[in-house]
Amino acid sequence: MKFRQLLLNIGQEELGSLCEKFLYDHEGAIQSTGNIASVGNLKLNSQEIKDFITEMHEKGDFDDVNCFSTPLYENELYKKFHPDKLSTASK
C-alpha cells in the first residue's frame, strides 16, 4: 500500500516525532500525516488516515518506533490510551 510505504520511509527520527505528536496533539498529527500523504500525491481525509494508522499499529509497523525515547510497544502512555491497538507481535 502506498500510504504505508510513504509513512515508513520518512525516517525513524521523523516517524518518532510524529508518534510523539499523536500522543499530545492527535488532530495536529492527523494533519501532519495528511501533509506527508499529499507529498506522495495521496489525498486522504482524516478518517482514512486514522484507519490506515490503526491498521499499521495492529500489524506492528510502529512497535519499534522510538516515542519519547522508548519503543512504542513499551510506552506506558500509549498502552494506557490504546490497549486495543497494540500489535500482537511478540517482542
C-alpha atoms as a PDB file:
ATOM      1  CA  MET A   1       0.000   0.000   0.000  1.00  0.00           C
ATOM      2  CA  LYS A   2       1.327   3.391  -0.960  1.00  0.00           C
ATOM      3  CA  PHE A   3       0.353   5.130   2.314  1.00  0.00           C
ATOM      4  CA  ARG A   4       2.215   2.537   4.395  1.00  0.00           C
ATOM      5  CA  GLN A   5       5.345   2.844   2.236  1.00  0.00           C
ATOM      6  CA  LEU A   6       5.244   6.644   2.386  1.00  0.00           C
ATOM      7  CA  LEU A   7       4.928   6.734   6.137  1.00  0.00           C
ATOM      8  CA  LEU A   8       7.555   4.097   6.859  1.00  0.00           C
ATOM      9  CA  ASN A   9      10.013   5.788   4.501  1.00  0.00           C
ATOM     10  CA  ILE A  10      10.028   9.209   6.192  1.00  0.00           C
ATOM     11  CA  GLY A  11      12.809   8.072   8.505  1.00  0.00           C
ATOM     12  CA  GLN A  12      12.904   6.887  12.090  1.00  0.00           C
ATOM     13  CA  GLU A  13      13.527  10.306  13.603  1.00  0.00           C
ATOM     14  CA  GLU A  14      10.628  11.973  11.802  1.00  0.00           C
ATOM     15  CA  LEU A  15       8.398   8.972  12.483  1.00  0.00           C
ATOM     16  CA  GLY A  16       9.296   9.215  16.182  1.00  0.00           C
ATOM     17  CA  SER A  17       8.405  12.909  16.221  1.00  0.00           C
ATOM     18  CA  LEU A  18       5.109  12.150  14.534  1.00  0.00           C
ATOM     19  CA  CYS A  19       4.430   9.426  17.108  1.00  0.00           C
ATOM     20  CA  GLU A  20       5.053  11.892  19.928  1.00  0.00           C
ATOM     21  CA  LYS A  21       2.721  14.392  18.304  1.00  0.00           C
ATOM     22  CA  PHE A  22      -0.035  11.762  18.189  1.00  0.00           C
ATOM     23  CA  LEU A  23       0.224  11.461  21.977  1.00  0.00           C
ATOM     24  CA  TYR A  24      -0.105  15.170  22.767  1.00  0.00           C
ATOM     25  CA  ASP A  25      -1.821  16.682  19.681  1.00  0.00           C
ATOM     26  CA  HIS A  26      -3.804  13.984  17.938  1.00  0.00           C
ATOM     27  CA  GLU A  27      -5.570  16.237  15.433  1.00  0.00           C
ATOM     28  CA  GLY A  28      -2.321  18.055  14.610  1.00  0.00           C
ATOM     29  CA  ALA A  29      -0.665  14.691  13.994  1.00  0.00           C
ATOM     30  CA  ILE A  30      -3.505  13.680  11.667  1.00  0.00           C
ATOM     31  CA  GLN A  31      -2.934  16.910   9.739  1.00  0.00           C
ATOM     32  CA  SER A  32       0.840  16.320   9.620  1.00  0.00           C
ATOM     33  CA  THR A  33       0.241  12.782   8.370  1.00  0.00           C
ATOM     34  CA  GLY A  34      -2.078  14.172   5.717  1.00  0.00           C
ATOM     35  CA  ASN A  35       0.682  16.538   4.619  1.00  0.00           C
ATOM     36  CA  ILE A  36       3.084  13.605   4.286  1.00  0.00           C
ATOM     37  CA  ALA A  37       0.474  11.715   2.245  1.00  0.00           C
ATOM     38  CA  SER A  38      -0.111  14.713  -0.033  1.00  0.00           C
ATOM     39  CA  VAL A  39       3.610  14.856  -0.858  1.00  0.00           C
ATOM     40  CA  GLY A  40       3.129  11.349  -2.240  1.00  0.00           C
ATOM     41  CA  ASN A  41       0.086  12.552  -4.202  1.00  0.00           C
ATOM     42  CA  LEU A  42      -2.369  10.820  -1.879  1.00  0.00           C
ATOM     43  CA  LYS A  43      -5.470  12.791  -0.946  1.00  0.00           C
ATOM     44  CA  LEU A  44      -6.852  11.333   2.271  1.00  0.00           C
ATOM     45  CA  ASN A  45      -9.420  12.607   4.735  1.00  0.00           C
ATOM     46  CA  SER A  46      -8.848  12.382   8.481  1.00  0.00           C
ATOM     47  CA  GLN A  47     -10.920   9.205   8.869  1.00  0.00           C
ATOM     48  CA  GLU A  48      -8.937   7.433   6.150  1.00  0.00           C
ATOM     49  CA  ILE A  49      -5.688   8.476   7.855  1.00  0.00           C
ATOM     50  CA  LYS A  50      -6.957   7.206  11.218  1.00  0.00           C
ATOM     51  CA  ASP A  51      -7.983   3.900   9.629  1.00  0.00           C
ATOM     52  CA  PHE A  52      -4.600   3.448   7.919  1.00  0.00           C
ATOM     53  CA  ILE A  53      -2.694   4.333  11.103  1.00  0.00           C
ATOM     54  CA  THR A  54      -4.814   1.898  13.129  1.00  0.00           C
ATOM     55  CA  GLU A  55      -4.180  -0.871  10.612  1.00  0.00           C
ATOM     56  CA  MET A  56      -0.429  -0.202  10.741  1.00  0.00           C
ATOM     57  CA  HIS A  57      -0.468  -0.283  14.562  1.00  0.00           C
ATOM     58  CA  GLU A  58      -2.303  -3.586  14.576  1.00  0.00           C
ATOM     59  CA  LYS A  59       0.291  -5.051  12.200  1.00  0.00           C
ATOM     60  CA  GLY A  60       3.115  -3.844  14.453  1.00  0.00           C
ATOM     61  CA  ASP A  61       4.555  -1.362  11.947  1.00  0.00           C
ATOM     62  CA  PHE A  62       5.245   1.202  14.679  1.00  0.00           C
ATOM     63  CA  ASP A  63       6.254  -1.082  17.549  1.00  0.00           C
ATOM     64  CA  ASP A  64       9.940  -0.247  17.290  1.00  0.00           C
ATOM     65  CA  VAL A  65       9.495   3.471  16.634  1.00  0.00           C
ATOM     66  CA  ASN A  66      11.031   5.462  19.478  1.00  0.00           C
ATOM     67  CA  CYS A  67       8.425   7.697  21.033  1.00  0.00           C
ATOM     68  CA  PHE A  68       9.797   9.885  23.838  1.00  0.00           C
ATOM     69  CA  SER A  69      12.965   7.733  23.762  1.00  0.00           C
ATOM     70  CA  THR A  70      11.043   4.489  24.273  1.00  0.00           C
ATOM     71  CA  PRO A  71       9.938   1.971  21.642  1.00  0.00           C
ATOM     72  CA  LEU A  72       6.193   2.411  21.186  1.00  0.00           C
ATOM     73  CA  TYR A  73       5.419  -1.154  22.206  1.00  0.00           C
ATOM     74  CA  GLU A  74       6.910  -0.328  25.650  1.00  0.00           C
ATOM     75  CA  ASN A  75       5.341   3.145  26.020  1.00  0.00           C
ATOM     76  CA  GLU A  76       3.050   3.105  29.067  1.00  0.00           C
ATOM     77  CA  LEU A  77       1.111   6.202  27.985  1.00  0.00           C
ATOM     78  CA  TYR A  78       0.310   4.615  24.642  1.00  0.00           C
ATOM     79  CA  LYS A  79      -0.684   1.342  26.292  1.00  0.00           C
ATOM     80  CA  LYS A  80      -2.981   3.219  28.673  1.00  0.00           C
ATOM     81  CA  PHE A  81      -4.937   5.006  25.957  1.00  0.00           C
ATOM     82  CA  HIS A  82      -4.773   2.384  23.191  1.00  0.00           C
ATOM     83  CA  PRO A  83      -4.618  -1.092  24.693  1.00  0.00           C
ATOM     84  CA  ASP A  84      -6.704  -2.398  21.794  1.00  0.00           C
ATOM     85  CA  LYS A  85      -4.262  -1.036  19.183  1.00  0.00           C
ATOM     86  CA  LEU A  86      -1.118  -2.793  20.355  1.00  0.00           C
ATOM     87  CA  SER A  87       0.154  -5.357  17.924  1.00  0.00           C
ATOM     88  CA  THR A  88       0.196  -8.998  18.845  1.00  0.00           C
ATOM     89  CA  ALA A  89       3.743  -9.366  17.551  1.00  0.00           C
ATOM     90  CA  SER A  90       5.909 -10.938  20.226  1.00  0.00           C
ATOM     91  CA  LYS A  91       8.816  -8.817  21.421  1.00  0.00           C
END
